[in-house]
Amino acid sequence: MLYVLKRKDDIVTLIDFLEDGSIYKFHQELIHPELAPLHDSNNHDWLKGWWRRRSVPINQGHIREFLEKKDLIGPEDYLLKNLGLSLTDYYWISPLDSGLTWKDVNLFENEFHKDILFGSDEEIRDDIPHYTPNGSLQGTLEKCWTILNGERGMIKGNRDQFSAESINEVIASKLHELQGSNNYTKYKLVKIDGREYDYGCYSKLFTSTTKELISAYDVVTSEKQPNDTSSFEHFINVCGHHGMDTEALRAYLDYMIMSDFVLSGRDRHLSNISILRDADTLQFIEPAPIYDSGKCLFVQDSVPANERDLLSIKTESFKSSELKMLSLVSDKSCLDITKLPSRSWIEEMYSLDSKMDENRIKLIGEGYERKVDLFRRFQLGEDLNQTKLAFGGRKKR
């Protein structure tokens, strides 16, 4: 099956797909190499990996059951059926000689089916082409793109019967609001029918026909990383090569790292950090609004009982732990400790979850309060690595 990979209406290359939606082969000589997705130029099969990563993960929510119901072979088949369309960038595939144009299919302006989490067969209308951006939606949490009152946005659920991850997104939003930040994703709680949990959450789309999303993973892997340069510095350097103000980027990363520390956010992997790129010039404009903070405040984990354990939280990011992430911070002052959500407000938010135990809510509140105190000490110059070691020493005696 031959398709043309396009960026809007510009041809990138020709691809031959297998029946399961995976790439069999593609033309190495790109017609417009500057328009290709960011990739590792040393990897001969980079496009196969890019397509595979673009498809929805098989362990996302109820996607496996959904694919079986639709008689689809797998995630790449689902992506192929939907022309590889996304709401984060402008890449898509057009069947050879189909005559389709970007205007015909782009989902920023055309309606689409929201058929994973909330849609149903009854909602499908003949006047809407059966394309959805959910075939390229990343992450393991159940979620879907939707259109509400003409506005595009994302609805996310939770991994279990609790609403904690959705509530955490709202708590993170509140933190950024109190800080006066203008670069974060605002989430609000929504009721979701047919789920065990009380609430999911909703956020507006922040990409558009003029701004697309590029993940830190794609940025970091697009250029060879020098042996003497960390992935963190390499990310900043490559963004600079694409026209971004690196000092502004560093300030954004400082703020992100410290706000994650306060909330004990442990899931800031390189697909949860992104930049926005101009659709026409391809220049990097600015960091994307902070998003996906649901895995914070000890969700699906026990609340650490002491300082040592609070300072031992592992992370999936540029570094493997919170303390190592803090070592990357250049400016400790860019987060105002006097403008944080109160413990009582956080506990009040969790009390909205009818399934959450009062004792659990209290423990989370205590853990958050202790974490804020540790952050205060960090800002005052205390070496939290030594604090962690000292606590361990006292415990042994």
Protein backbone atom coordinates (compact mmCIF):
# COMPACT_ATOMS: atom_id res chain seq x y z
CA MET A 1 0.00 0.00 0.00
CA LEU A 2 1.62 3.21 -1.18
CA TYR A 3 1.11 6.51 0.64
CA VAL A 4 2.73 9.92 0.48
CA LEU A 5 4.01 11.34 3.76
CA LYS A 6 3.20 15.03 3.83
CA ARG A 7 3.66 18.04 6.04
CA LYS A 8 0.46 19.91 5.29
CA ASP A 9 0.55 19.80 1.45
CA ASP A 10 4.32 19.52 1.05
CA ILE A 11 5.61 16.08 0.08
CA VAL A 12 8.21 14.54 2.37
CA THR A 13 8.61 11.01 1.00
CA LEU A 14 6.83 7.92 -0.35
CA ILE A 15 6.01 5.05 2.03
CA ASP A 16 5.03 1.44 1.39
CA PHE A 17 2.92 0.04 4.26
CA LEU A 18 2.22 -3.56 5.28
CA GLU A 19 -1.32 -4.76 6.02
CA ASP A 20 -0.83 -4.32 9.77
CA GLY A 21 -0.11 -0.60 9.29
CA SER A 22 3.63 -0.83 9.87
CA ILE A 23 6.12 0.60 7.38
CA TYR A 24 7.65 -1.90 4.95
CA LYS A 25 10.00 0.59 3.30
CA PHE A 26 10.31 4.27 2.45
CA HIS A 27 12.34 6.37 0.03
CA GLN A 28 15.57 7.41 1.71
CA GLU A 29 15.96 10.40 -0.57
CA LEU A 30 13.54 12.84 1.05
CA ILE A 31 12.13 15.35 -1.42
CA HIS A 32 11.99 18.02 1.29
CA PRO A 33 14.39 16.89 4.04
CA GLU A 34 13.99 20.17 5.93
CA LEU A 35 10.29 19.37 6.33
CA ALA A 36 10.79 15.87 7.74
CA PRO A 37 10.01 15.19 11.40
CA LEU A 38 12.99 15.76 13.68
CA HIS A 39 14.94 12.52 13.75
CA ASP A 40 18.30 10.87 14.24
CA SER A 41 19.94 11.18 10.83
CA ASN A 42 22.34 8.34 11.69
CA ASN A 43 19.46 5.89 12.07
CA HIS A 44 18.70 4.32 8.68
CA ASP A 45 15.20 3.24 9.79
CA TRP A 46 14.29 6.40 11.69
CA LEU A 47 10.92 6.77 9.96
CA LYS A 48 9.79 3.29 11.01
CA GLY A 49 10.54 4.17 14.62
CA TRP A 50 8.84 7.55 14.30
CA TRP A 51 5.67 5.95 12.91
CA ARG A 52 5.66 3.26 15.58
CA ARG A 53 6.04 5.86 18.37
CA ARG A 54 3.32 7.98 16.77
CA SER A 55 0.73 5.20 17.11
CA VAL A 56 -1.35 4.96 20.28
CA PRO A 57 0.30 2.66 22.90
CA ILE A 58 -1.40 -0.73 23.13
CA ASN A 59 -1.52 -0.37 26.95
CA GLN A 60 -3.37 2.96 26.85
CA GLY A 61 -6.67 2.68 28.71
CA HIS A 62 -9.05 0.32 26.90
CA ILE A 63 -7.36 0.62 23.51
CA ARG A 64 -6.77 -3.13 23.14
CA GLU A 65 -10.48 -3.90 23.49
CA PHE A 66 -11.32 -0.99 21.18
CA LEU A 67 -9.03 -2.28 18.42
CA GLU A 68 -10.50 -5.77 18.70
CA LYS A 69 -14.02 -4.36 18.48
CA LYS A 70 -13.09 -2.44 15.31
CA ASP A 71 -11.32 -5.49 13.78
CA LEU A 72 -8.04 -3.57 13.60
CA ILE A 73 -4.79 -5.52 13.63
CA GLY A 74 -3.03 -3.15 16.02
CA PRO A 75 -2.18 0.47 16.87
CA GLU A 76 -0.30 1.11 13.61
CA ASP A 77 -3.28 -0.18 11.62
CA TYR A 78 -5.50 2.25 13.56
CA LEU A 79 -3.04 5.08 12.82
CA LEU A 80 -2.95 4.18 9.12
CA LYS A 81 -6.74 4.11 8.85
CA ASN A 82 -6.72 7.65 10.24
CA LEU A 83 -4.00 8.86 7.84
CA GLY A 84 -1.55 9.37 10.70
CA LEU A 85 -3.40 12.57 11.62
CA SER A 86 -2.65 14.38 14.86
CA LEU A 87 -3.65 17.49 16.77
CA THR A 88 -0.07 18.26 17.74
CA ASP A 89 1.61 18.61 14.33
CA TYR A 90 0.95 18.73 10.57
CA TYR A 91 2.24 15.36 9.38
CA TRP A 92 -0.13 12.95 7.67
CA ILE A 93 -0.18 10.30 4.96
CA SER A 94 -2.19 10.53 1.76
CA PRO A 95 -3.07 7.45 -0.31
CA LEU A 96 -1.20 7.71 -3.59
CA ASP A 97 -3.22 9.60 -6.23
CA SER A 98 -6.10 10.19 -3.78
CA GLY A 99 -6.25 13.92 -4.48
CA LEU A 100 -6.72 14.64 -0.76
CA THR A 101 -5.37 17.95 0.55
CA TRP A 102 -4.50 19.24 4.01
CA LYS A 103 -7.62 21.40 3.88
CA ASP A 104 -9.72 18.26 3.37
CA VAL A 105 -8.37 16.30 6.30
CA ASN A 106 -6.67 18.46 8.94
CA LEU A 107 -8.36 18.03 12.31
CA PHE A 108 -7.63 21.52 13.59
CA GLU A 109 -10.43 22.77 11.33
CA ASN A 110 -12.45 19.69 10.29
CA GLU A 111 -14.72 17.78 12.65
CA PHE A 112 -13.64 14.35 13.84
CA HIS A 113 -14.88 11.30 15.69
CA LYS A 114 -14.03 10.95 19.37
CA ASP A 115 -14.37 7.20 19.38
CA ILE A 116 -12.08 5.91 22.14
CA LEU A 117 -13.18 7.06 25.58
CA PHE A 118 -16.54 8.72 25.20
CA GLY A 119 -17.67 8.23 21.63
CA SER A 120 -19.92 5.44 20.41
CA ASP A 121 -20.99 4.01 17.09
CA GLU A 122 -24.28 5.88 17.43
CA GLU A 123 -22.43 9.21 17.28
CA ILE A 124 -20.85 8.54 13.89
CA ARG A 125 -22.35 10.74 11.21
CA ASP A 126 -22.08 10.24 7.47
CA ASP A 127 -21.15 13.88 6.89
CA ILE A 128 -17.94 13.58 8.95
CA PRO A 129 -15.02 11.65 7.40
CA HIS A 130 -14.12 8.82 9.75
CA TYR A 131 -10.83 10.29 10.91
CA THR A 132 -9.78 10.80 14.50
CA PRO A 133 -6.64 12.23 16.15
CA ASN A 134 -6.90 9.57 18.84
CA GLY A 135 -4.90 7.10 16.75
CA SER A 136 -1.79 9.20 17.43
CA LEU A 137 -2.54 10.03 21.06
CA GLN A 138 0.36 9.14 23.37
CA GLY A 139 0.54 7.93 26.98
CA THR A 140 -0.92 5.01 28.91
CA LEU A 141 -3.72 6.85 30.71
CA GLU A 142 -7.14 6.52 29.08
CA LYS A 143 -7.87 9.75 27.23
CA CYS A 144 -9.32 11.17 24.05
CA TRP A 145 -9.42 14.31 21.98
CA THR A 146 -12.88 15.81 21.75
CA ILE A 147 -14.79 18.84 20.48
CA LEU A 148 -16.94 20.60 23.07
CA ASN A 149 -18.96 23.62 21.98
CA GLY A 150 -16.69 24.01 18.97
CA GLU A 151 -13.54 23.93 21.11
CA ARG A 152 -10.92 21.19 20.76
CA GLY A 153 -9.57 19.71 23.92
CA MET A 154 -8.54 16.55 25.76
CA ILE A 155 -10.44 14.54 28.32
CA LYS A 156 -8.41 12.25 30.56
CA GLY A 157 -9.44 9.55 32.97
CA ASN A 158 -7.58 7.70 35.75
CA ARG A 159 -5.79 4.38 36.13
CA ASP A 160 -8.00 3.01 38.91
CA GLN A 161 -11.24 3.73 40.78
CA PHE A 162 -9.83 6.91 42.33
CA SER A 163 -9.94 10.38 40.77
CA ALA A 164 -6.49 11.29 42.14
CA GLU A 165 -4.66 11.82 38.84
CA SER A 166 -7.35 14.15 37.53
CA ILE A 167 -7.47 16.03 40.83
CA ASN A 168 -3.67 16.30 40.73
CA GLU A 169 -3.86 18.02 37.34
CA VAL A 170 -6.20 20.61 38.86
CA ILE A 171 -3.90 21.05 41.87
CA ALA A 172 -0.91 21.63 39.57
CA SER A 173 -2.98 24.14 37.59
CA LYS A 174 -3.74 26.00 40.82
CA LEU A 175 -0.06 26.12 41.76
CA HIS A 176 0.85 27.69 38.41
CA GLU A 177 -2.06 30.11 38.65
CA LEU A 178 -0.94 31.28 42.10
CA GLN A 179 2.60 31.71 40.80
CA GLY A 180 1.31 34.02 38.09
CA SER A 181 2.64 31.76 35.35
CA ASN A 182 1.27 32.21 31.85
CA ASN A 183 2.71 29.00 30.44
CA TYR A 184 0.80 26.08 31.88
CA THR A 185 -2.12 23.89 30.85
CA LYS A 186 -5.26 24.60 32.83
CA TYR A 187 -7.27 21.52 33.80
CA LYS A 188 -10.77 21.29 35.21
CA LEU A 189 -12.67 18.33 36.63
CA VAL A 190 -15.39 16.70 34.52
CA LYS A 191 -17.83 13.88 35.15
CA ILE A 192 -17.35 10.80 32.98
CA ASP A 193 -20.24 8.38 32.56
CA GLY A 194 -19.64 4.68 32.93
CA ARG A 195 -16.39 4.87 34.92
CA GLU A 196 -15.64 3.74 38.47
CA TYR A 197 -13.95 7.02 39.36
CA ASP A 198 -15.91 10.19 40.11
CA TYR A 199 -14.00 12.63 37.92
CA GLY A 200 -11.79 12.89 34.89
CA CYS A 201 -10.28 16.17 33.73
CA TYR A 202 -10.42 18.40 30.67
CA SER A 203 -7.91 20.80 29.10
CA LYS A 204 -8.01 22.97 25.99
CA LEU A 205 -5.83 22.28 22.96
CA PHE A 206 -2.77 24.54 22.95
CA THR A 207 -1.46 23.74 19.48
CA SER A 208 -3.01 25.29 16.38
CA THR A 209 -2.64 25.70 12.62
CA THR A 210 0.34 28.00 13.34
CA LYS A 211 2.04 26.25 16.29
CA GLU A 212 2.99 22.59 16.54
CA LEU A 213 4.43 20.49 19.36
CA ILE A 214 7.92 18.95 19.37
CA SER A 215 8.81 16.67 22.29
CA ALA A 216 12.09 16.98 24.17
CA TYR A 217 12.76 13.38 23.15
CA ASP A 218 12.67 14.29 19.47
CA VAL A 219 14.79 17.37 20.11
CA VAL A 220 17.46 15.46 22.05
CA THR A 221 17.71 12.62 19.53
CA SER A 222 17.77 14.91 16.48
CA GLU A 223 21.45 15.79 16.94
CA LYS A 224 24.40 13.75 18.17
CA GLN A 225 24.98 14.38 21.87
CA PRO A 226 28.62 15.17 22.72
CA ASN A 227 30.15 12.81 25.27
CA ASP A 228 30.95 15.67 27.62
CA THR A 229 27.43 17.16 27.53
CA SER A 230 24.47 16.04 29.63
CA SER A 231 21.12 15.36 27.98
CA PHE A 232 19.75 18.41 29.82
CA GLU A 233 22.35 20.76 28.38
CA HIS A 234 22.13 19.04 25.02
CA PHE A 235 18.38 19.73 24.93
CA ILE A 236 18.96 23.41 25.65
CA ASN A 237 21.74 23.63 23.04
CA VAL A 238 19.69 22.00 20.27
CA CYS A 239 16.74 24.31 21.04
CA GLY A 240 19.18 27.20 20.64
CA HIS A 241 20.24 25.86 17.24
CA HIS A 242 16.58 26.16 16.21
CA GLY A 243 16.28 29.79 17.25
CA MET A 244 15.00 29.56 20.82
CA ASP A 245 16.11 31.95 23.57
CA THR A 246 18.13 29.52 25.70
CA GLU A 247 18.12 31.72 28.81
CA ALA A 248 14.32 31.89 28.72
CA LEU A 249 14.24 28.11 28.21
CA ARG A 250 16.57 27.56 31.18
CA ALA A 251 14.33 29.73 33.39
CA TYR A 252 11.29 27.70 32.27
CA LEU A 253 13.06 24.44 33.11
CA ASP A 254 14.14 25.78 36.53
CA TYR A 255 10.53 26.63 37.30
CA MET A 256 9.24 23.30 36.01
CA ILE A 257 11.77 21.27 38.04
CA MET A 258 11.02 23.13 41.27
CA SER A 259 7.24 23.02 40.86
CA ASP A 260 7.51 19.27 40.19
CA PHE A 261 9.61 18.89 43.37
CA VAL A 262 7.03 20.69 45.50
CA LEU A 263 4.27 18.41 44.16
CA SER A 264 6.47 15.30 44.14
CA GLY A 265 5.89 14.91 40.41
CA ARG A 266 7.84 11.92 39.18
CA ASP A 267 6.75 11.55 35.55
CA ARG A 268 8.48 14.41 33.69
CA HIS A 269 9.90 12.13 31.01
CA LEU A 270 11.07 13.61 27.72
CA SER A 271 7.68 13.24 26.07
CA ASN A 272 6.13 15.28 28.89
CA ILE A 273 8.42 18.22 28.08
CA SER A 274 7.92 19.94 24.74
CA ILE A 275 8.48 23.08 22.74
CA LEU A 276 6.26 24.91 20.26
CA ARG A 277 7.48 25.36 16.69
CA ASP A 278 6.31 27.91 14.12
CA ALA A 279 4.38 26.25 11.29
CA ASP A 280 5.98 28.31 8.55
CA THR A 281 9.51 29.24 9.65
CA LEU A 282 10.11 25.95 11.55
CA GLN A 283 11.82 28.04 14.26
CA PHE A 284 11.35 27.00 17.88
CA ILE A 285 9.17 29.65 19.51
CA GLU A 286 8.86 28.86 23.20
CA PRO A 287 8.45 25.99 25.66
CA ALA A 288 5.02 24.38 25.53
CA PRO A 289 2.65 25.00 28.45
CA ILE A 290 3.46 22.62 31.32
CA TYR A 291 1.18 19.59 31.04
CA ASP A 292 0.67 16.04 32.37
CA SER A 293 1.31 16.48 36.09
CA GLY A 294 -1.17 13.80 37.19
CA LYS A 295 1.52 11.46 38.56
CA CYS A 296 2.31 13.63 41.55
CA LEU A 297 1.46 13.81 45.27
CA PHE A 298 2.26 10.14 45.82
CA VAL A 299 -0.52 8.87 43.54
CA GLN A 300 -0.71 5.04 43.54
CA ASP A 301 2.07 4.96 46.14
CA SER A 302 2.52 5.17 49.89
CA VAL A 303 3.26 8.60 51.33
CA PRO A 304 6.91 8.75 52.50
CA ALA A 305 7.04 8.70 56.30
CA ASN A 306 10.21 10.75 56.83
CA GLU A 307 12.64 13.22 55.24
CA ARG A 308 14.95 10.54 53.94
CA ASP A 309 12.17 8.84 52.02
CA LEU A 310 10.77 12.17 50.83
CA LEU A 311 14.21 12.95 49.43
CA SER A 312 14.53 9.54 47.77
CA ILE A 313 11.75 9.89 45.19
CA LYS A 314 12.78 8.54 41.81
CA THR A 315 11.92 10.37 38.61
CA GLU A 316 11.75 9.60 34.92
CA SER A 317 13.32 12.66 33.33
CA PHE A 318 16.71 14.16 32.53
CA LYS A 319 17.87 12.67 35.85
CA SER A 320 16.80 9.63 37.84
CA SER A 321 15.77 11.32 41.10
CA GLU A 322 14.27 14.55 42.38
CA LEU A 323 17.47 15.57 44.12
CA LYS A 324 19.47 15.11 40.93
CA MET A 325 16.88 17.16 39.05
CA LEU A 326 17.23 19.96 41.63
CA SER A 327 20.98 20.02 40.93
CA LEU A 328 20.14 21.27 37.40
CA VAL A 329 18.44 24.41 38.72
CA SER A 330 20.28 27.68 38.07
CA ASP A 331 17.87 30.15 39.68
CA LYS A 332 16.25 28.99 42.91
CA SER A 333 14.15 32.15 43.17
CA CYS A 334 11.89 31.69 40.14
CA LEU A 335 9.27 29.84 42.21
CA ASP A 336 7.69 31.87 45.03
CA ILE A 337 7.19 29.67 48.08
CA THR A 338 4.68 32.17 49.52
CA LYS A 339 2.36 31.51 46.56
CA LEU A 340 1.58 27.80 46.79
CA PRO A 341 -1.72 25.96 47.28
CA SER A 342 -2.49 25.48 50.97
CA ARG A 343 -2.57 22.03 52.52
CA SER A 344 -6.21 22.58 53.52
CA TRP A 345 -7.21 23.41 49.93
CA ILE A 346 -5.45 20.32 48.59
CA GLU A 347 -7.19 18.14 51.16
CA GLU A 348 -10.49 19.78 50.22
CA MET A 349 -9.88 18.88 46.56
CA TYR A 350 -9.23 15.24 47.43
CA SER A 351 -12.38 15.14 49.55
CA LEU A 352 -14.34 15.50 46.28
CA ASP A 353 -13.36 11.89 45.57
CA SER A 354 -16.00 9.73 47.25
CA LYS A 355 -13.70 6.71 47.15
CA MET A 356 -10.68 8.27 48.86
CA ASP A 357 -10.14 7.45 52.52
CA GLU A 358 -9.92 10.41 54.95
CA ASN A 359 -6.71 9.05 56.46
CA ARG A 360 -5.11 8.85 53.00
CA ILE A 361 -6.09 12.47 52.36
CA LYS A 362 -4.51 13.52 55.66
CA LEU A 363 -1.29 11.63 54.89
CA ILE A 364 -1.02 13.31 51.47
CA GLY A 365 -1.54 16.69 53.11
CA GLU A 366 1.20 15.98 55.64
CA GLY A 367 3.57 14.78 52.92
CA TYR A 368 2.92 17.89 50.84
CA GLU A 369 3.50 20.16 53.85
CA ARG A 370 6.83 18.48 54.63
CA LYS A 371 7.84 18.72 50.98
CA VAL A 372 7.14 22.46 50.95
CA ASP A 373 9.33 22.82 54.03
CA LEU A 374 12.16 20.90 52.34
CA PHE A 375 11.84 23.18 49.32
CA ARG A 376 12.03 26.24 51.59
CA ARG A 377 15.27 24.90 53.04
CA PHE A 378 16.61 24.23 49.54
CA GLN A 379 15.92 27.85 48.57
CA LEU A 380 17.73 29.03 51.71
CA GLY A 381 20.84 27.12 50.65
CA GLU A 382 20.57 23.84 52.55
CA ASP A 383 22.16 20.87 50.79
CA LEU A 384 19.32 18.36 50.69
CA ASN A 385 21.69 15.56 49.73
CA GLN A 386 23.46 16.07 53.06
CA THR A 387 20.09 16.31 54.80
CA LYS A 388 19.16 12.93 53.38
CA LEU A 389 22.49 11.39 54.44
CA ALA A 390 22.28 12.88 57.92
CA PHE A 391 18.83 11.45 58.45
CA GLY A 392 20.05 8.03 57.43
CA GLY A 393 22.91 8.31 59.91
CA ARG A 394 20.62 9.28 62.78
CA LYS A 395 18.33 6.36 61.96
CA LYS A 396 21.19 3.85 62.24
CA ARG A 397 22.15 5.09 65.69
